[in-house]
Amino acid sequence: MSSDPTTPTRKFRLPAQATESLGLLAVLAVLILVFSIAGKNFFSSATLKQIANEIPALAVISVGMTFVIITAGIDLSVGSVMAFSGAILGLAMADWEFPLIAALPLAIFAGFLCGAANGWVSVRFAVPSFIVTLGMLQIGRGLAYLCTNSQTKYIGSPIAWLGTGIPGIGLSWAFVFAVLIVILGQVILTRTVFGRYVLVVGANEEAAIYSGIRTKPVKIAVFMIAGALAGLASAFESSRMENVDPNAGTGLELSAIAAVVIGGTSLMGGRGSVVGSFIGVLIMATLGAGLAQVGASDPVKLLITGLVIVFAVIIDAWRAGKLKRSKK
């Protein structure tokens, strides 16, 4: 039986988010190829494992940052909150001799409280989140110095196992946990009511209010998530050096924002992907490692990384403009 030639055929199209992820993976593959040609030993399992084992803290923080930016907010305090949470972790493990399983909830709770303060002040007093979190950036860093007496606290083997490679695989437990958190974050964002609320609030808060969504709790909750994940990231970061440092996380907020924007999350709010942010982290880490291996100086690395961030922001603005034009 022949088909009717007048019947239109349906073309299979990937969802926009999947297309973006494939595009980001292509960019990552091109970076790896370029640095493999430019550097002799870049494309090796040792190098790729090293990159993977260096990113767990940034990956986890980027998950929280994705939720915040989707709601059209920003969190400049995550690096300092991670340092403060790490200081609590160090006090608990080095001074009070708590095991990691007991100390880690304290660190996560410390980050959660900082995030709750960020969200509540921003929402309650209608203060732009970048101002509130800029203040928390200073508060968190000050608390980190006070808790550690401005000194590095050595923890050693009780936390070192988290950052060491799993036998036979080479990837650290921290990386495995970070990937699980990325997956959980993506599921929450795309498959739960809360995730849909986050997207709606970011896209049009006024419309969300008219739809009966309580937007204020949603906006506070995303900062709580970001703070708690910064607390978790403190354990991942401490496991690499086997200590807690009150200076840890300096500038990490900028790296997280860059990774999230590179990953396709809009600074205007209403659109984003946790998986995309994770690929953005991989792109940032690969770029940094590749530039280091080809002998680029620190100023050159900063220059190139900055240009990549600016390019990502321009692409984001172009996408936003294109979307607005398509709705008219």
C-alpha atoms as a PDB file:
ATOM      1  CA  MET A   1       0.000   0.000   0.000  1.00  0.00           C
ATOM      2  CA  SER A   2       1.602   3.240  -1.159  1.00  0.00           C
ATOM      3  CA  SER A   3       1.543   6.338   0.993  1.00  0.00           C
ATOM      4  CA  ASP A   4      -0.286   9.441  -0.107  1.00  0.00           C
ATOM      5  CA  PRO A   5       2.287  11.843  -1.607  1.00  0.00           C
ATOM      6  CA  THR A   6       0.220  14.806  -0.446  1.00  0.00           C
ATOM      7  CA  THR A   7       0.557  13.784   3.213  1.00  0.00           C
ATOM      8  CA  PRO A   8       3.267  15.921   4.838  1.00  0.00           C
ATOM      9  CA  THR A   9       6.125  13.964   6.345  1.00  0.00           C
ATOM     10  CA  ARG A  10       7.111  14.734   9.920  1.00  0.00           C
ATOM     11  CA  LYS A  11      10.746  15.628  10.400  1.00  0.00           C
ATOM     12  CA  PHE A  12      12.427  14.443  13.543  1.00  0.00           C
ATOM     13  CA  ARG A  13      13.895  17.317  15.528  1.00  0.00           C
ATOM     14  CA  LEU A  14      15.934  17.154  18.681  1.00  0.00           C
ATOM     15  CA  PRO A  15      14.726  19.281  21.582  1.00  0.00           C
ATOM     16  CA  ALA A  16      16.435  22.691  21.697  1.00  0.00           C
ATOM     17  CA  GLN A  17      18.168  21.829  24.971  1.00  0.00           C
ATOM     18  CA  ALA A  18      19.587  18.597  23.531  1.00  0.00           C
ATOM     19  CA  THR A  19      20.807  20.462  20.449  1.00  0.00           C
ATOM     20  CA  GLU A  20      22.577  23.008  22.664  1.00  0.00           C
ATOM     21  CA  SER A  21      24.228  20.236  24.681  1.00  0.00           C
ATOM     22  CA  LEU A  22      25.455  18.553  21.510  1.00  0.00           C
ATOM     23  CA  GLY A  23      26.840  21.892  20.331  1.00  0.00           C
ATOM     24  CA  LEU A  24      28.682  22.360  23.629  1.00  0.00           C
ATOM     25  CA  LEU A  25      30.087  18.836  23.410  1.00  0.00           C
ATOM     26  CA  ALA A  26      31.301  19.649  19.904  1.00  0.00           C
ATOM     27  CA  VAL A  27      33.076  22.751  21.252  1.00  0.00           C
ATOM     28  CA  LEU A  28      34.653  20.612  23.980  1.00  0.00           C
ATOM     29  CA  ALA A  29      35.786  18.039  21.400  1.00  0.00           C
ATOM     30  CA  VAL A  30      37.331  20.781  19.236  1.00  0.00           C
ATOM     31  CA  LEU A  31      39.220  22.165  22.249  1.00  0.00           C
ATOM     32  CA  ILE A  32      40.590  18.724  23.079  1.00  0.00           C
ATOM     33  CA  LEU A  33      41.600  18.218  19.436  1.00  0.00           C
ATOM     34  CA  VAL A  34      43.341  21.608  19.195  1.00  0.00           C
ATOM     35  CA  PHE A  35      45.297  21.143  22.411  1.00  0.00           C
ATOM     36  CA  SER A  36      46.133  17.553  21.478  1.00  0.00           C
ATOM     37  CA  ILE A  37      47.771  18.869  18.301  1.00  0.00           C
ATOM     38  CA  ALA A  38      49.437  21.825  20.033  1.00  0.00           C
ATOM     39  CA  GLY A  39      50.591  19.843  23.078  1.00  0.00           C
ATOM     40  CA  LYS A  40      52.279  16.468  22.832  1.00  0.00           C
ATOM     41  CA  ASN A  41      50.761  14.717  25.837  1.00  0.00           C
ATOM     42  CA  PHE A  42      47.430  16.503  26.242  1.00  0.00           C
ATOM     43  CA  PHE A  43      45.230  13.753  24.809  1.00  0.00           C
ATOM     44  CA  SER A  44      45.996  11.099  27.398  1.00  0.00           C
ATOM     45  CA  SER A  45      43.986   9.373  30.092  1.00  0.00           C
ATOM     46  CA  ALA A  46      46.243  10.900  32.749  1.00  0.00           C
ATOM     47  CA  THR A  47      45.524  14.466  31.591  1.00  0.00           C
ATOM     48  CA  LEU A  48      41.796  13.910  31.181  1.00  0.00           C
ATOM     49  CA  LYS A  49      41.547  12.279  34.616  1.00  0.00           C
ATOM     50  CA  GLN A  50      43.486  15.150  36.133  1.00  0.00           C
ATOM     51  CA  ILE A  51      41.021  17.638  34.623  1.00  0.00           C
ATOM     52  CA  ALA A  52      38.070  15.595  35.905  1.00  0.00           C
ATOM     53  CA  ASN A  53      39.494  15.351  39.420  1.00  0.00           C
ATOM     54  CA  GLU A  54      40.075  19.100  39.640  1.00  0.00           C
ATOM     55  CA  ILE A  55      36.505  20.199  38.864  1.00  0.00           C
ATOM     56  CA  PRO A  56      34.163  18.635  41.489  1.00  0.00           C
ATOM     57  CA  ALA A  57      33.939  21.778  43.654  1.00  0.00           C
ATOM     58  CA  LEU A  58      33.304  24.065  40.668  1.00  0.00           C
ATOM     59  CA  ALA A  59      30.837  21.580  39.146  1.00  0.00           C
ATOM     60  CA  VAL A  60      28.741  21.380  42.306  1.00  0.00           C
ATOM     61  CA  ILE A  61      28.767  25.157  42.818  1.00  0.00           C
ATOM     62  CA  SER A  62      27.737  25.625  39.186  1.00  0.00           C
ATOM     63  CA  VAL A  63      24.646  23.475  39.802  1.00  0.00           C
ATOM     64  CA  GLY A  64      23.481  25.899  42.491  1.00  0.00           C
ATOM     65  CA  MET A  65      24.472  28.907  40.386  1.00  0.00           C
ATOM     66  CA  THR A  66      22.361  27.569  37.512  1.00  0.00           C
ATOM     67  CA  PHE A  67      19.215  27.621  39.649  1.00  0.00           C
ATOM     68  CA  VAL A  68      19.968  31.149  40.879  1.00  0.00           C
ATOM     69  CA  ILE A  69      20.673  32.573  37.425  1.00  0.00           C
ATOM     70  CA  ILE A  70      17.578  30.926  35.911  1.00  0.00           C
ATOM     71  CA  THR A  71      15.513  32.995  38.362  1.00  0.00           C
ATOM     72  CA  ALA A  72      17.343  36.096  37.012  1.00  0.00           C
ATOM     73  CA  GLY A  73      19.458  36.346  40.173  1.00  0.00           C
ATOM     74  CA  ILE A  74      23.190  36.140  40.783  1.00  0.00           C
ATOM     75  CA  ASP A  75      25.285  34.837  43.669  1.00  0.00           C
ATOM     76  CA  LEU A  76      28.698  36.440  44.081  1.00  0.00           C
ATOM     77  CA  SER A  77      29.280  34.900  47.497  1.00  0.00           C
ATOM     78  CA  VAL A  78      29.679  31.186  46.706  1.00  0.00           C
ATOM     79  CA  GLY A  79      33.497  31.235  46.837  1.00  0.00           C
ATOM     80  CA  SER A  80      33.546  32.867  50.264  1.00  0.00           C
ATOM     81  CA  VAL A  81      30.677  30.698  51.505  1.00  0.00           C
ATOM     82  CA  MET A  82      32.681  27.645  50.438  1.00  0.00           C
ATOM     83  CA  ALA A  83      35.679  28.964  52.412  1.00  0.00           C
ATOM     84  CA  PHE A  84      33.510  29.571  55.496  1.00  0.00           C
ATOM     85  CA  SER A  85      31.920  26.123  55.221  1.00  0.00           C
ATOM     86  CA  GLY A  86      35.398  24.661  54.811  1.00  0.00           C
ATOM     87  CA  ALA A  87      36.484  26.455  57.982  1.00  0.00           C
ATOM     88  CA  ILE A  88      33.582  24.815  59.848  1.00  0.00           C
ATOM     89  CA  LEU A  89      34.605  21.477  58.339  1.00  0.00           C
ATOM     90  CA  GLY A  90      38.188  22.043  59.485  1.00  0.00           C
ATOM     91  CA  LEU A  91      37.136  22.966  63.032  1.00  0.00           C
ATOM     92  CA  ALA A  92      34.949  19.880  63.267  1.00  0.00           C
ATOM     93  CA  MET A  93      37.508  17.430  61.873  1.00  0.00           C
ATOM     94  CA  ALA A  94      40.852  18.886  63.004  1.00  0.00           C
ATOM     95  CA  ASP A  95      39.935  20.456  66.357  1.00  0.00           C
ATOM     96  CA  TRP A  96      36.892  18.486  67.525  1.00  0.00           C
ATOM     97  CA  GLU A  97      37.999  15.220  65.852  1.00  0.00           C
ATOM     98  CA  PHE A  98      34.637  14.597  64.192  1.00  0.00           C
ATOM     99  CA  PRO A  99      34.550  12.022  61.371  1.00  0.00           C
ATOM    100  CA  LEU A 100      33.697  13.328  57.903  1.00  0.00           C
ATOM    101  CA  ILE A 101      30.204  11.856  58.067  1.00  0.00           C
ATOM    102  CA  ALA A 102      29.446  14.061  61.093  1.00  0.00           C
ATOM    103  CA  ALA A 103      31.427  17.150  60.044  1.00  0.00           C
ATOM    104  CA  LEU A 104      30.095  17.404  56.490  1.00  0.00           C
ATOM    105  CA  PRO A 105      26.461  18.130  57.521  1.00  0.00           C
ATOM    106  CA  LEU A 106      27.773  21.022  59.633  1.00  0.00           C
ATOM    107  CA  ALA A 107      29.606  22.471  56.626  1.00  0.00           C
ATOM    108  CA  ILE A 108      26.561  22.043  54.397  1.00  0.00           C
ATOM    109  CA  PHE A 109      24.330  23.658  57.030  1.00  0.00           C
ATOM    110  CA  ALA A 110      26.715  26.622  57.338  1.00  0.00           C
ATOM    111  CA  GLY A 111      26.461  27.158  53.587  1.00  0.00           C
ATOM    112  CA  PHE A 112      22.698  26.690  53.717  1.00  0.00           C
ATOM    113  CA  LEU A 113      22.375  29.446  56.344  1.00  0.00           C
ATOM    114  CA  CYS A 114      24.443  31.837  54.230  1.00  0.00           C
ATOM    115  CA  GLY A 115      22.268  31.076  51.212  1.00  0.00           C
ATOM    116  CA  ALA A 116      19.097  31.537  53.257  1.00  0.00           C
ATOM    117  CA  ALA A 117      20.360  34.938  54.432  1.00  0.00           C
ATOM    118  CA  ASN A 118      21.137  35.939  50.837  1.00  0.00           C
ATOM    119  CA  GLY A 119      17.702  34.933  49.606  1.00  0.00           C
ATOM    120  CA  TRP A 120      15.719  36.354  52.512  1.00  0.00           C
ATOM    121  CA  VAL A 121      17.399  39.775  52.481  1.00  0.00           C
ATOM    122  CA  SER A 122      17.173  40.040  48.694  1.00  0.00           C
ATOM    123  CA  VAL A 123      13.477  39.109  48.605  1.00  0.00           C
ATOM    124  CA  ARG A 124      12.299  40.711  51.852  1.00  0.00           C
ATOM    125  CA  PHE A 125      13.841  44.121  51.148  1.00  0.00           C
ATOM    126  CA  ALA A 126      13.730  43.955  47.327  1.00  0.00           C
ATOM    127  CA  VAL A 127      17.490  44.469  47.102  1.00  0.00           C
ATOM    128  CA  PRO A 128      19.246  43.279  43.916  1.00  0.00           C
ATOM    129  CA  SER A 129      20.862  39.925  44.614  1.00  0.00           C
ATOM    130  CA  PHE A 130      24.276  41.005  43.355  1.00  0.00           C
ATOM    131  CA  ILE A 131      24.420  43.682  46.096  1.00  0.00           C
ATOM    132  CA  VAL A 132      23.332  41.288  48.856  1.00  0.00           C
ATOM    133  CA  THR A 133      25.680  38.519  47.780  1.00  0.00           C
ATOM    134  CA  LEU A 134      28.526  41.006  47.355  1.00  0.00           C
ATOM    135  CA  GLY A 135      28.078  41.764  51.053  1.00  0.00           C
ATOM    136  CA  MET A 136      27.979  38.038  51.870  1.00  0.00           C
ATOM    137  CA  LEU A 137      31.200  37.605  49.886  1.00  0.00           C
ATOM    138  CA  GLN A 138      32.928  39.806  52.462  1.00  0.00           C
ATOM    139  CA  ILE A 139      31.047  38.345  55.449  1.00  0.00           C
ATOM    140  CA  GLY A 140      31.815  34.751  54.467  1.00  0.00           C
ATOM    141  CA  ARG A 141      35.484  35.469  53.937  1.00  0.00           C
ATOM    142  CA  GLY A 142      35.707  37.259  57.287  1.00  0.00           C
ATOM    143  CA  LEU A 143      34.012  34.349  59.062  1.00  0.00           C
ATOM    144  CA  ALA A 144      36.440  31.925  57.381  1.00  0.00           C
ATOM    145  CA  TYR A 145      39.400  33.898  58.752  1.00  0.00           C
ATOM    146  CA  LEU A 146      37.866  34.114  62.220  1.00  0.00           C
ATOM    147  CA  CYS A 147      37.042  30.393  62.399  1.00  0.00           C
ATOM    148  CA  THR A 148      40.534  29.334  61.321  1.00  0.00           C
ATOM    149  CA  ASN A 149      42.424  32.165  63.022  1.00  0.00           C
ATOM    150  CA  SER A 150      43.627  33.020  59.489  1.00  0.00           C
ATOM    151  CA  GLN A 151      45.571  29.761  59.316  1.00  0.00           C
ATOM    152  CA  THR A 152      45.378  26.637  57.172  1.00  0.00           C
ATOM    153  CA  LYS A 153      44.055  23.614  59.069  1.00  0.00           C
ATOM    154  CA  TYR A 154      45.514  20.244  58.097  1.00  0.00           C
ATOM    155  CA  ILE A 155      43.060  17.320  58.061  1.00  0.00           C
ATOM    156  CA  GLY A 156      44.918  14.602  56.159  1.00  0.00           C
ATOM    157  CA  SER A 157      43.713  11.088  55.435  1.00  0.00           C
ATOM    158  CA  PRO A 158      40.203  11.414  56.980  1.00  0.00           C
ATOM    159  CA  ILE A 159      39.275  13.564  53.980  1.00  0.00           C
ATOM    160  CA  ALA A 160      42.007  12.721  51.449  1.00  0.00           C
ATOM    161  CA  TRP A 161      40.195   9.573  50.237  1.00  0.00           C
ATOM    162  CA  LEU A 162      37.449  11.756  48.775  1.00  0.00           C
ATOM    163  CA  GLY A 163      39.875  13.342  46.321  1.00  0.00           C
ATOM    164  CA  THR A 164      41.983  10.303  45.415  1.00  0.00           C
ATOM    165  CA  GLY A 165      41.400   8.170  42.352  1.00  0.00           C
ATOM    166  CA  ILE A 166      39.252   5.071  42.600  1.00  0.00           C
ATOM    167  CA  PRO A 167      41.477   2.010  41.955  1.00  0.00           C
ATOM    168  CA  GLY A 168      41.146   0.797  38.387  1.00  0.00           C
ATOM    169  CA  ILE A 169      39.295   3.928  37.272  1.00  0.00           C
ATOM    170  CA  GLY A 170      41.448   6.862  38.309  1.00  0.00           C
ATOM    171  CA  LEU A 171      38.485   9.184  38.783  1.00  0.00           C
ATOM    172  CA  SER A 172      38.013  10.495  42.319  1.00  0.00           C
ATOM    173  CA  TRP A 173      35.025   9.830  44.525  1.00  0.00           C
ATOM    174  CA  ALA A 174      34.472  13.607  44.572  1.00  0.00           C
ATOM    175  CA  PHE A 175      34.059  13.598  40.796  1.00  0.00           C
ATOM    176  CA  VAL A 176      31.613  10.674  40.932  1.00  0.00           C
ATOM    177  CA  PHE A 177      29.524  12.432  43.606  1.00  0.00           C
ATOM    178  CA  ALA A 178      29.642  15.684  41.620  1.00  0.00           C
ATOM    179  CA  VAL A 179      28.302  13.933  38.509  1.00  0.00           C
ATOM    180  CA  LEU A 180      25.478  12.405  40.577  1.00  0.00           C
ATOM    181  CA  ILE A 181      24.591  15.869  41.899  1.00  0.00           C
ATOM    182  CA  VAL A 182      24.566  17.248  38.343  1.00  0.00           C
ATOM    183  CA  ILE A 183      22.154  14.488  37.305  1.00  0.00           C
ATOM    184  CA  LEU A 184      19.956  15.120  40.347  1.00  0.00           C
ATOM    185  CA  GLY A 185      19.968  18.853  39.641  1.00  0.00           C
ATOM    186  CA  GLN A 186      18.914  18.302  36.034  1.00  0.00           C
ATOM    187  CA  VAL A 187      16.100  15.980  37.121  1.00  0.00           C
ATOM    188  CA  ILE A 188      14.857  18.515  39.683  1.00  0.00           C
ATOM    189  CA  LEU A 189      14.957  21.320  37.118  1.00  0.00           C
ATOM    190  CA  THR A 190      13.184  19.438  34.312  1.00  0.00           C
ATOM    191  CA  ARG A 191      11.030  16.819  36.052  1.00  0.00           C
ATOM    192  CA  THR A 192       9.631  18.436  39.190  1.00  0.00           C
ATOM    193  CA  VAL A 193       7.088  21.111  40.028  1.00  0.00           C
ATOM    194  CA  PHE A 194       9.770  23.130  41.801  1.00  0.00           C
ATOM    195  CA  GLY A 195      11.940  23.082  38.675  1.00  0.00           C
ATOM    196  CA  ARG A 196       9.059  24.328  36.538  1.00  0.00           C
ATOM    197  CA  TYR A 197       8.412  27.093  39.068  1.00  0.00           C
ATOM    198  CA  VAL A 198      12.073  28.135  38.870  1.00  0.00           C
ATOM    199  CA  LEU A 199      11.867  28.422  35.080  1.00  0.00           C
ATOM    200  CA  VAL A 200       8.543  30.291  35.143  1.00  0.00           C
ATOM    201  CA  VAL A 201       9.693  32.754  37.815  1.00  0.00           C
ATOM    202  CA  GLY A 202      12.827  33.509  35.819  1.00  0.00           C
ATOM    203  CA  ALA A 203      10.956  33.919  32.542  1.00  0.00           C
ATOM    204  CA  ASN A 204       8.241  36.239  33.850  1.00  0.00           C
ATOM    205  CA  GLU A 205       7.797  36.739  37.582  1.00  0.00           C
ATOM    206  CA  GLU A 206       4.661  38.839  37.190  1.00  0.00           C
ATOM    207  CA  ALA A 207       2.973  36.164  35.097  1.00  0.00           C
ATOM    208  CA  ALA A 208       4.050  33.561  37.656  1.00  0.00           C
ATOM    209  CA  ILE A 209       2.349  35.559  40.428  1.00  0.00           C
ATOM    210  CA  TYR A 210      -0.867  35.815  38.399  1.00  0.00           C
ATOM    211  CA  SER A 211      -0.667  32.046  37.879  1.00  0.00           C
ATOM    212  CA  GLY A 212      -0.797  31.542  41.637  1.00  0.00           C
ATOM    213  CA  ILE A 213       2.878  30.703  42.145  1.00  0.00           C
ATOM    214  CA  ARG A 214       4.395  31.959  45.388  1.00  0.00           C
ATOM    215  CA  THR A 215       7.504  33.420  43.825  1.00  0.00           C
ATOM    216  CA  LYS A 216       9.267  34.616  46.981  1.00  0.00           C
ATOM    217  CA  PRO A 217       9.786  31.134  48.504  1.00  0.00           C
ATOM    218  CA  VAL A 218      11.087  29.912  45.136  1.00  0.00           C
ATOM    219  CA  LYS A 219      13.614  32.758  44.904  1.00  0.00           C
ATOM    220  CA  ILE A 220      14.784  32.175  48.481  1.00  0.00           C
ATOM    221  CA  ALA A 221      15.017  28.411  47.906  1.00  0.00           C
ATOM    222  CA  VAL A 222      17.436  28.700  44.980  1.00  0.00           C
ATOM    223  CA  PHE A 223      19.861  30.697  47.151  1.00  0.00           C
ATOM    224  CA  MET A 224      19.528  28.043  49.869  1.00  0.00           C
ATOM    225  CA  ILE A 225      20.422  25.380  47.311  1.00  0.00           C
ATOM    226  CA  ALA A 226      23.410  27.405  46.107  1.00  0.00           C
ATOM    227  CA  GLY A 227      24.635  27.905  49.681  1.00  0.00           C
ATOM    228  CA  ALA A 228      24.224  24.256  50.671  1.00  0.00           C
ATOM    229  CA  LEU A 229      26.067  23.093  47.555  1.00  0.00           C
ATOM    230  CA  ALA A 230      28.876  25.561  48.300  1.00  0.00           C
ATOM    231  CA  GLY A 231      29.102  23.879  51.709  1.00  0.00           C
ATOM    232  CA  LEU A 232      29.357  20.469  50.052  1.00  0.00           C
ATOM    233  CA  ALA A 233      31.946  21.811  47.621  1.00  0.00           C
ATOM    234  CA  SER A 234      34.162  22.755  50.571  1.00  0.00           C
ATOM    235  CA  ALA A 235      34.701  19.051  51.293  1.00  0.00           C
ATOM    236  CA  PHE A 236      35.581  18.349  47.650  1.00  0.00           C
ATOM    237  CA  GLU A 237      38.042  21.240  47.584  1.00  0.00           C
ATOM    238  CA  SER A 238      39.596  20.291  50.938  1.00  0.00           C
ATOM    239  CA  SER A 239      40.074  16.687  49.845  1.00  0.00           C
ATOM    240  CA  ARG A 240      42.460  17.764  47.065  1.00  0.00           C
ATOM    241  CA  MET A 241      44.891  19.520  49.416  1.00  0.00           C
ATOM    242  CA  GLU A 242      44.024  17.515  52.558  1.00  0.00           C
ATOM    243  CA  ASN A 243      43.442  20.767  54.460  1.00  0.00           C
ATOM    244  CA  VAL A 244      41.091  23.733  54.737  1.00  0.00           C
ATOM    245  CA  ASP A 245      42.322  27.149  53.679  1.00  0.00           C
ATOM    246  CA  PRO A 246      40.492  30.396  54.561  1.00  0.00           C
ATOM    247  CA  ASN A 247      41.660  31.754  51.189  1.00  0.00           C
ATOM    248  CA  ALA A 248      40.018  28.901  49.269  1.00  0.00           C
ATOM    249  CA  GLY A 249      37.485  29.749  46.588  1.00  0.00           C
ATOM    250  CA  THR A 250      38.790  33.225  45.778  1.00  0.00           C
ATOM    251  CA  GLY A 251      37.354  34.108  42.368  1.00  0.00           C
ATOM    252  CA  LEU A 252      35.424  30.841  42.176  1.00  0.00           C
ATOM    253  CA  GLU A 253      32.121  32.706  41.817  1.00  0.00           C
ATOM    254  CA  LEU A 254      33.323  34.216  38.523  1.00  0.00           C
ATOM    255  CA  SER A 255      34.375  30.794  37.209  1.00  0.00           C
ATOM    256  CA  ALA A 256      30.965  29.376  38.158  1.00  0.00           C
ATOM    257  CA  ILE A 257      29.077  32.223  36.467  1.00  0.00           C
ATOM    258  CA  ALA A 258      31.258  31.826  33.366  1.00  0.00           C
ATOM    259  CA  ALA A 259      30.653  28.064  33.210  1.00  0.00           C
ATOM    260  CA  VAL A 260      26.894  28.516  33.624  1.00  0.00           C
ATOM    261  CA  VAL A 261      26.688  31.171  30.903  1.00  0.00           C
ATOM    262  CA  ILE A 262      28.915  29.159  28.554  1.00  0.00           C
ATOM    263  CA  GLY A 263      26.598  26.214  29.249  1.00  0.00           C
ATOM    264  CA  GLY A 264      23.647  28.132  27.802  1.00  0.00           C
ATOM    265  CA  THR A 265      21.875  29.460  30.892  1.00  0.00           C
ATOM    266  CA  SER A 266      20.564  32.948  30.194  1.00  0.00           C
ATOM    267  CA  LEU A 267      21.616  35.818  32.449  1.00  0.00           C
ATOM    268  CA  MET A 268      18.177  37.264  31.692  1.00  0.00           C
ATOM    269  CA  GLY A 269      16.579  34.296  33.465  1.00  0.00           C
ATOM    270  CA  GLY A 270      13.967  31.755  32.424  1.00  0.00           C
ATOM    271  CA  ARG A 271      16.232  29.390  30.488  1.00  0.00           C
ATOM    272  CA  GLY A 272      19.033  27.047  31.458  1.00  0.00           C
ATOM    273  CA  SER A 273      20.330  23.539  31.902  1.00  0.00           C
ATOM    274  CA  VAL A 274      22.318  21.939  34.707  1.00  0.00           C
ATOM    275  CA  VAL A 275      23.910  19.499  32.260  1.00  0.00           C
ATOM    276  CA  GLY A 276      24.833  22.443  30.037  1.00  0.00           C
ATOM    277  CA  SER A 277      26.508  24.138  33.003  1.00  0.00           C
ATOM    278  CA  PHE A 278      28.490  20.969  33.709  1.00  0.00           C
ATOM    279  CA  ILE A 279      29.705  20.886  30.113  1.00  0.00           C
ATOM    280  CA  GLY A 280      30.584  24.565  30.559  1.00  0.00           C
ATOM    281  CA  VAL A 281      32.722  23.571  33.568  1.00  0.00           C
ATOM    282  CA  LEU A 282      34.471  20.952  31.420  1.00  0.00           C
ATOM    283  CA  ILE A 283      35.097  23.526  28.700  1.00  0.00           C
ATOM    284  CA  MET A 284      36.558  26.002  31.208  1.00  0.00           C
ATOM    285  CA  ALA A 285      38.755  23.317  32.798  1.00  0.00           C
ATOM    286  CA  THR A 286      39.942  21.979  29.440  1.00  0.00           C
ATOM    287  CA  LEU A 287      40.749  25.485  28.244  1.00  0.00           C
ATOM    288  CA  GLY A 288      42.755  26.214  31.393  1.00  0.00           C
ATOM    289  CA  ALA A 289      44.646  22.903  31.296  1.00  0.00           C
ATOM    290  CA  GLY A 290      45.327  23.158  27.576  1.00  0.00           C
ATOM    291  CA  LEU A 291      46.677  26.698  27.799  1.00  0.00           C
ATOM    292  CA  ALA A 292      48.901  25.659  30.706  1.00  0.00           C
ATOM    293  CA  GLN A 293      50.278  22.689  28.760  1.00  0.00           C
ATOM    294  CA  VAL A 294      51.159  24.749  25.677  1.00  0.00           C
ATOM    295  CA  GLY A 295      53.087  27.126  27.924  1.00  0.00           C
ATOM    296  CA  ALA A 296      50.726  30.118  27.969  1.00  0.00           C
ATOM    297  CA  SER A 297      51.551  32.641  30.668  1.00  0.00           C
ATOM    298  CA  ASP A 298      49.027  33.530  33.366  1.00  0.00           C
ATOM    299  CA  PRO A 299      48.187  36.908  31.759  1.00  0.00           C
ATOM    300  CA  VAL A 300      47.528  35.192  28.425  1.00  0.00           C
ATOM    301  CA  LYS A 301      45.334  32.563  30.120  1.00  0.00           C
ATOM    302  CA  LEU A 302      43.323  35.296  31.838  1.00  0.00           C
ATOM    303  CA  LEU A 303      42.982  37.194  28.560  1.00  0.00           C
ATOM    304  CA  ILE A 304      41.759  34.191  26.565  1.00  0.00           C
ATOM    305  CA  THR A 305      39.417  32.986  29.303  1.00  0.00           C
ATOM    306  CA  GLY A 306      37.967  36.494  29.610  1.00  0.00           C
ATOM    307  CA  LEU A 307      37.383  36.687  25.863  1.00  0.00           C
ATOM    308  CA  VAL A 308      35.566  33.342  25.954  1.00  0.00           C
ATOM    309  CA  ILE A 309      33.302  34.628  28.735  1.00  0.00           C
ATOM    310  CA  VAL A 310      32.528  37.862  26.857  1.00  0.00           C
ATOM    311  CA  PHE A 311      31.771  35.852  23.716  1.00  0.00           C
ATOM    312  CA  ALA A 312      29.391  33.612  25.697  1.00  0.00           C
ATOM    313  CA  VAL A 313      27.581  36.684  27.076  1.00  0.00           C
ATOM    314  CA  ILE A 314      27.249  38.138  23.562  1.00  0.00           C
ATOM    315  CA  ILE A 315      25.771  34.847  22.343  1.00  0.00           C
ATOM    316  CA  ASP A 316      23.355  34.902  25.304  1.00  0.00           C
ATOM    317  CA  ALA A 317      22.252  38.460  24.453  1.00  0.00           C
ATOM    318  CA  TRP A 318      21.812  37.472  20.799  1.00  0.00           C
ATOM    319  CA  ARG A 319      19.686  34.479  21.768  1.00  0.00           C
ATOM    320  CA  ALA A 320      17.528  36.647  24.044  1.00  0.00           C
ATOM    321  CA  GLY A 321      16.999  39.192  21.289  1.00  0.00           C
ATOM    322  CA  LYS A 322      16.157  36.484  18.768  1.00  0.00           C
ATOM    323  CA  LEU A 323      13.642  34.959  21.186  1.00  0.00           C
ATOM    324  CA  LYS A 324      11.942  38.309  21.745  1.00  0.00           C
ATOM    325  CA  ARG A 325      11.700  38.936  18.008  1.00  0.00           C
ATOM    326  CA  SER A 326      10.176  35.489  17.424  1.00  0.00           C
ATOM    327  CA  LYS A 327       7.432  36.217  19.982  1.00  0.00           C
ATOM    328  CA  LYS A 328       6.339  39.429  18.247  1.00  0.00           C
END
